[in-house]
Amino acid sequence: MPSWKLTSGLFLLFVGSLAGLLGTVYVQVQIPDPHDSARRQATVYYWADGSRMVSVGDVNRQDVKLSQVPDSVQRAVIAAENADFYRDSGVSVTGIGRAAVNIVKGEETQGGSTITQQYVKNTYLSQDQTVERKIKELFLSLKVSNQRPKTEIFEGYLNTSWFGRDAYGVQAA
């Protein structure tokens, strides 16, 4: 039977090594440029009176500033998607763990990602449901959350998210 000193020492060594590894990975992660599909927008033509005539493009999206989105819409999205958005670290460890376990088991994937994680997935990563993508999402979300203001993240989220019926972004919705 190993002594409590040996057991404690091995445990602390393991935790320290894990923290060092995670810290090293975090430091080495760089925020990439947004991929093309996250920046594509439709071209909208208007009549002389200012009314919309037609929207043309391979993606139904028009980016808008956060200040152009009504407060009631902002609050509704936060309430539905991530009530703690302005207070969280940008990631949901339990959500990532649950998704990773479901991917490994081959079960149906679930939500649970924060607004920051969804923004990172839509802007910098793919929609692939893999453990590797979830790990990248974790570190990128932490980095983005630490380097960008929440308002910028939320604006990006509102402009890149799918709102149904081929509408990408809050303006198209």
Protein backbone atom coordinates (compact mmCIF):
# COMPACT_ATOMS: atom_id res chain seq x y z
CA MET A 1 0.00 0.00 0.00
CA PRO A 2 1.57 3.32 -1.05
CA SER A 3 1.89 6.00 1.59
CA TRP A 4 -0.30 9.09 1.59
CA LYS A 5 2.79 11.17 0.78
CA LEU A 6 3.50 9.18 -2.36
CA THR A 7 -0.14 9.20 -3.41
CA SER A 8 -0.45 12.94 -2.78
CA GLY A 9 2.80 13.63 -4.60
CA LEU A 10 1.75 11.62 -7.65
CA PHE A 11 -1.64 13.32 -7.69
CA LEU A 12 -0.05 16.78 -7.50
CA LEU A 13 2.43 15.84 -10.22
CA PHE A 14 -0.41 14.67 -12.45
CA VAL A 15 -2.50 17.82 -11.85
CA GLY A 16 0.54 20.06 -12.36
CA SER A 17 1.48 18.28 -15.59
CA LEU A 18 -2.08 18.53 -16.87
CA ALA A 19 -2.26 22.25 -16.00
CA GLY A 20 1.10 22.81 -17.70
CA LEU A 21 -0.05 20.99 -20.83
CA LEU A 22 -3.32 22.93 -21.00
CA GLY A 23 -1.49 26.21 -20.40
CA THR A 24 1.01 25.45 -23.15
CA VAL A 25 -1.73 24.59 -25.62
CA TYR A 26 -3.66 27.76 -24.70
CA VAL A 27 -0.59 29.97 -25.22
CA GLN A 28 0.15 28.39 -28.60
CA VAL A 29 -3.40 28.75 -29.94
CA GLN A 30 -3.72 31.67 -32.34
CA ILE A 31 -7.05 33.13 -33.39
CA PRO A 32 -7.25 32.51 -37.16
CA ASP A 33 -8.83 34.75 -39.74
CA PRO A 34 -12.56 34.16 -40.17
CA HIS A 35 -13.24 31.63 -42.89
CA ASP A 36 -14.84 32.76 -46.14
CA SER A 37 -18.31 31.37 -45.48
CA ALA A 38 -18.59 33.43 -42.28
CA ARG A 39 -17.92 36.67 -44.19
CA ARG A 40 -20.09 36.12 -47.26
CA GLN A 41 -23.12 38.36 -47.52
CA ALA A 42 -25.94 38.86 -49.96
CA THR A 43 -26.09 41.94 -52.14
CA VAL A 44 -29.33 43.79 -51.57
CA TYR A 45 -30.82 46.16 -54.13
CA TYR A 46 -33.29 48.85 -53.11
CA TRP A 47 -35.87 50.88 -55.00
CA ALA A 48 -35.49 54.66 -55.14
CA ASP A 49 -37.93 55.01 -52.24
CA GLY A 50 -35.65 52.90 -50.02
CA SER A 51 -37.78 49.75 -50.05
CA ARG A 52 -36.06 46.44 -50.67
CA MET A 53 -36.21 45.18 -54.25
CA VAL A 54 -34.16 41.96 -54.24
CA SER A 55 -31.38 40.14 -52.44
CA VAL A 56 -28.80 38.26 -54.51
CA GLY A 57 -26.06 35.91 -53.35
CA ASP A 58 -25.25 32.34 -52.41
CA VAL A 59 -25.89 33.05 -48.71
CA ASN A 60 -28.79 34.94 -47.18
CA ARG A 61 -26.87 37.21 -44.80
CA GLN A 62 -26.37 40.90 -44.17
CA ASP A 63 -24.13 41.91 -41.30
CA VAL A 64 -25.43 44.55 -38.90
CA LYS A 65 -23.92 46.37 -35.96
CA LEU A 66 -25.08 45.31 -32.51
CA SER A 67 -26.51 48.80 -31.99
CA GLN A 68 -28.91 48.14 -34.89
CA VAL A 69 -30.38 45.05 -33.19
CA PRO A 70 -33.27 45.93 -30.85
CA ASP A 71 -32.56 45.37 -27.15
CA SER A 72 -35.56 43.05 -26.89
CA VAL A 73 -34.09 40.78 -29.59
CA GLN A 74 -30.68 40.81 -27.88
CA ARG A 75 -32.20 39.89 -24.53
CA ALA A 76 -34.35 37.15 -26.11
CA VAL A 77 -31.35 35.54 -27.82
CA ILE A 78 -29.27 35.64 -24.64
CA ALA A 79 -32.14 34.22 -22.59
CA ALA A 80 -32.65 31.37 -25.07
CA GLU A 81 -29.03 30.54 -25.84
CA ASN A 82 -26.78 31.46 -22.89
CA ALA A 83 -28.28 33.36 -19.96
CA ASP A 84 -24.85 33.79 -18.33
CA PHE A 85 -23.17 35.10 -21.50
CA TYR A 86 -21.90 38.36 -20.03
CA ARG A 87 -20.54 36.56 -16.93
CA ASP A 88 -19.17 33.27 -18.30
CA SER A 89 -15.64 32.41 -19.40
CA GLY A 90 -16.78 31.66 -22.93
CA VAL A 91 -17.00 27.90 -22.54
CA SER A 92 -19.23 25.30 -20.98
CA VAL A 93 -16.97 22.48 -19.85
CA THR A 94 -19.96 20.26 -19.05
CA GLY A 95 -21.47 20.97 -22.48
CA ILE A 96 -18.19 20.11 -24.22
CA GLY A 97 -17.78 16.95 -22.15
CA ARG A 98 -21.33 15.82 -22.87
CA ALA A 99 -20.90 16.48 -26.61
CA ALA A 100 -17.55 14.67 -26.70
CA VAL A 101 -18.98 11.62 -24.91
CA ASN A 102 -21.94 11.54 -27.30
CA ILE A 103 -19.63 11.81 -30.33
CA VAL A 104 -17.44 8.97 -29.05
CA LYS A 105 -20.51 6.82 -28.30
CA GLY A 106 -21.93 7.61 -31.75
CA GLU A 107 -25.06 9.07 -30.20
CA GLU A 108 -27.00 12.12 -31.30
CA THR A 109 -25.13 15.33 -30.62
CA GLN A 110 -26.65 17.95 -28.38
CA GLY A 111 -26.42 21.68 -27.83
CA GLY A 112 -25.04 23.17 -24.66
CA SER A 113 -22.41 25.38 -26.19
CA THR A 114 -22.14 28.99 -25.10
CA ILE A 115 -22.71 31.91 -27.45
CA THR A 116 -18.92 32.32 -27.63
CA GLN A 117 -18.44 28.67 -28.60
CA GLN A 118 -21.11 28.90 -31.28
CA TYR A 119 -19.55 32.10 -32.63
CA VAL A 120 -16.13 30.43 -32.76
CA LYS A 121 -17.57 27.38 -34.52
CA ASN A 122 -19.43 29.49 -37.09
CA THR A 123 -16.59 31.94 -37.73
CA TYR A 124 -13.33 30.00 -37.43
CA LEU A 125 -14.11 26.27 -37.51
CA SER A 126 -16.30 23.85 -39.42
CA GLN A 127 -19.64 22.33 -38.53
CA ASP A 128 -18.03 18.87 -38.18
CA GLN A 129 -19.19 16.92 -35.14
CA THR A 130 -15.82 15.58 -34.03
CA VAL A 131 -13.90 15.47 -30.77
CA GLU A 132 -10.99 17.28 -32.43
CA ARG A 133 -13.22 20.17 -33.48
CA LYS A 134 -14.68 20.40 -29.96
CA ILE A 135 -11.17 20.60 -28.46
CA LYS A 136 -10.21 23.35 -30.91
CA GLU A 137 -13.47 25.11 -30.10
CA LEU A 138 -12.67 24.97 -26.37
CA PHE A 139 -9.26 26.62 -26.64
CA LEU A 140 -10.30 29.14 -29.31
CA SER A 141 -13.37 30.12 -27.27
CA LEU A 142 -11.23 30.76 -24.20
CA LYS A 143 -8.79 32.82 -26.25
CA VAL A 144 -11.53 34.82 -28.01
CA SER A 145 -13.36 35.42 -24.73
CA ASN A 146 -10.16 36.75 -23.13
CA GLN A 147 -9.13 38.94 -26.08
CA ARG A 148 -12.37 40.31 -27.48
CA PRO A 149 -15.16 42.28 -25.79
CA LYS A 150 -18.42 40.41 -25.21
CA THR A 151 -20.27 42.94 -27.40
CA GLU A 152 -18.03 42.08 -30.37
CA ILE A 153 -18.52 38.35 -29.79
CA PHE A 154 -22.29 38.78 -29.51
CA GLU A 155 -22.44 40.90 -32.67
CA GLY A 156 -20.43 38.24 -34.52
CA TYR A 157 -22.70 35.52 -33.19
CA LEU A 158 -25.83 37.36 -34.31
CA ASN A 159 -24.35 37.84 -37.78
CA THR A 160 -23.16 34.26 -38.34
CA SER A 161 -25.80 32.08 -36.71
CA TRP A 162 -28.40 30.18 -38.65
CA PHE A 163 -31.90 31.36 -37.75
CA GLY A 164 -33.83 28.90 -39.92
CA ARG A 165 -35.40 29.10 -43.38
CA ASP A 166 -32.03 29.75 -45.03
CA ALA A 167 -31.47 32.89 -42.92
CA TYR A 168 -27.94 33.40 -41.66
CA GLY A 169 -27.67 36.28 -39.25
CA VAL A 170 -30.26 38.28 -37.37
CA GLN A 171 -30.83 40.74 -40.24
CA ALA A 172 -31.79 37.96 -42.68
CA ALA A 173 -34.05 36.41 -40.05
